[in-house]
Amino acid sequence: MIHASDEVLDDLRRRLELTRWPDDAGNDSYYGVNRVVVQDLVEYWLDGYDWRRAEAEISAYEHHHVEVGGVPVHYMRRAGAGPSPVRPRLAVDLLALVEGRRPARRPRSHGR
């Protein structure tokens, strides 16, 4: 479950409101994002983005932390509703690919 405290959100709001915008003279997006694009984004974060709704949506998922090759990975998962979209045959073929048997490349040599 995630939660940003009111103090953190108030601080973010203050900092966004105090943004000092540079002149955008001559920038045609070659040197970066046009100021007006960033200003529109900041206005959305100030007045349009619902932090609490986003927290609730993200918290509806299971959160997991694993390490892959020494790199920490955070992922979210929510179990699907209804039948599995993966056909059993496809799952077996995927497992075979992972194990290195490669039946998808040479199906006849694997009895298919």
Protein backbone atom coordinates (compact mmCIF):
# COMPACT_ATOMS: atom_id res chain seq x y z
CA MET A 1 0.00 0.00 0.00
CA ILE A 2 1.28 3.44 -0.83
CA HIS A 3 0.43 6.70 0.85
CA ALA A 4 1.83 10.21 0.49
CA SER A 5 1.28 12.27 3.60
CA ASP A 6 -0.62 15.55 3.40
CA GLU A 7 2.61 17.32 4.37
CA VAL A 8 4.46 15.83 1.40
CA LEU A 9 1.68 16.77 -1.02
CA ASP A 10 1.43 20.28 0.45
CA ASP A 11 5.20 20.70 0.03
CA LEU A 12 5.02 19.50 -3.58
CA ARG A 13 2.16 21.91 -4.28
CA ARG A 14 4.15 24.83 -2.83
CA ARG A 15 7.23 23.97 -4.88
CA LEU A 16 5.23 23.60 -8.08
CA GLU A 17 3.49 26.92 -7.48
CA LEU A 18 6.87 28.62 -6.90
CA THR A 19 8.40 27.34 -10.13
CA ARG A 20 10.35 30.08 -11.90
CA TRP A 21 9.85 29.56 -15.62
CA PRO A 22 12.75 30.41 -17.94
CA ASP A 23 12.38 32.25 -21.21
CA ASP A 24 11.66 29.84 -24.02
CA ALA A 25 13.08 32.04 -26.77
CA GLY A 26 14.07 30.11 -29.85
CA ASN A 27 13.34 26.63 -28.47
CA ASP A 28 11.59 24.61 -31.14
CA SER A 29 11.82 21.37 -29.08
CA TYR A 30 15.26 20.60 -30.47
CA TYR A 31 16.91 21.60 -27.18
CA GLY A 32 14.26 20.12 -24.90
CA VAL A 33 10.60 20.32 -24.06
CA ASN A 34 8.87 23.62 -24.74
CA ARG A 35 8.09 25.55 -21.58
CA VAL A 36 4.35 25.63 -22.34
CA VAL A 37 4.22 21.81 -22.38
CA VAL A 38 5.84 21.61 -18.95
CA GLN A 39 3.62 24.42 -17.65
CA ASP A 40 0.52 22.51 -18.79
CA LEU A 41 1.80 19.41 -17.00
CA VAL A 42 2.44 21.37 -13.78
CA GLU A 43 -1.05 22.90 -13.97
CA TYR A 44 -2.51 19.40 -14.33
CA TRP A 45 -0.57 18.18 -11.30
CA LEU A 46 -1.76 21.19 -9.32
CA ASP A 47 -5.43 21.22 -10.30
CA GLY A 48 -6.36 18.05 -12.16
CA TYR A 49 -4.46 15.09 -10.74
CA ASP A 50 -6.23 13.20 -7.95
CA TRP A 51 -3.43 11.85 -5.74
CA ARG A 52 -5.73 9.94 -3.41
CA ARG A 53 -7.50 8.17 -6.29
CA ALA A 54 -4.12 7.22 -7.79
CA GLU A 55 -2.97 5.86 -4.41
CA ALA A 56 -6.12 3.75 -4.13
CA GLU A 57 -5.71 2.36 -7.64
CA ILE A 58 -2.06 1.48 -7.09
CA SER A 59 -2.74 0.01 -3.66
CA ALA A 60 -5.35 -2.34 -5.17
CA TYR A 61 -2.45 -4.40 -6.57
CA GLU A 62 -0.22 -6.86 -4.77
CA HIS A 63 3.27 -5.37 -4.49
CA HIS A 64 6.32 -7.60 -4.75
CA HIS A 65 10.05 -7.00 -4.54
CA VAL A 66 12.57 -9.33 -6.14
CA GLU A 67 16.16 -9.17 -7.23
CA VAL A 68 17.06 -10.03 -10.83
CA GLY A 69 20.73 -10.25 -11.64
CA GLY A 70 21.55 -8.14 -8.59
CA VAL A 71 19.07 -5.43 -9.58
CA PRO A 72 16.15 -4.77 -7.23
CA VAL A 73 12.80 -4.91 -9.06
CA HIS A 74 9.45 -3.78 -7.70
CA TYR A 75 6.38 -5.05 -9.53
CA MET A 76 2.65 -4.98 -9.02
CA ARG A 77 0.24 -7.82 -9.69
CA ARG A 78 -3.49 -8.29 -9.59
CA ALA A 79 -4.99 -11.70 -10.26
CA GLY A 80 -7.22 -11.79 -13.31
CA ALA A 81 -10.91 -12.57 -13.17
CA GLY A 82 -12.35 -15.41 -15.21
CA PRO A 83 -10.59 -18.11 -17.19
CA SER A 84 -6.90 -17.95 -17.91
CA PRO A 85 -6.12 -16.24 -21.21
CA VAL A 86 -3.17 -18.61 -21.69
CA ARG A 87 -4.09 -21.86 -23.37
CA PRO A 88 -2.41 -24.90 -21.77
CA ARG A 89 -0.66 -25.78 -25.04
CA LEU A 90 0.82 -22.29 -25.28
CA ALA A 91 2.10 -22.52 -21.72
CA VAL A 92 3.87 -25.78 -22.52
CA ASP A 93 5.42 -24.27 -25.67
CA LEU A 94 6.60 -21.22 -23.71
CA LEU A 95 8.13 -23.45 -21.05
CA ALA A 96 9.89 -25.45 -23.75
CA LEU A 97 11.30 -22.27 -25.24
CA VAL A 98 12.59 -21.14 -21.87
CA GLU A 99 14.17 -24.54 -21.28
CA GLY A 100 15.96 -24.28 -24.61
CA ARG A 101 14.18 -26.99 -26.59
CA ARG A 102 12.92 -24.51 -29.19
CA PRO A 103 9.96 -26.49 -30.63
CA ALA A 104 8.63 -23.34 -32.26
CA ARG A 105 11.62 -23.22 -34.61
CA ARG A 106 11.72 -26.93 -35.53
CA PRO A 107 8.28 -28.38 -34.69
CA ARG A 108 8.76 -31.62 -36.72
CA SER A 109 11.87 -32.54 -34.80
CA HIS A 110 9.80 -32.29 -31.62
CA GLY A 111 6.91 -34.48 -32.80
CA ARG A 112 4.57 -31.70 -33.92
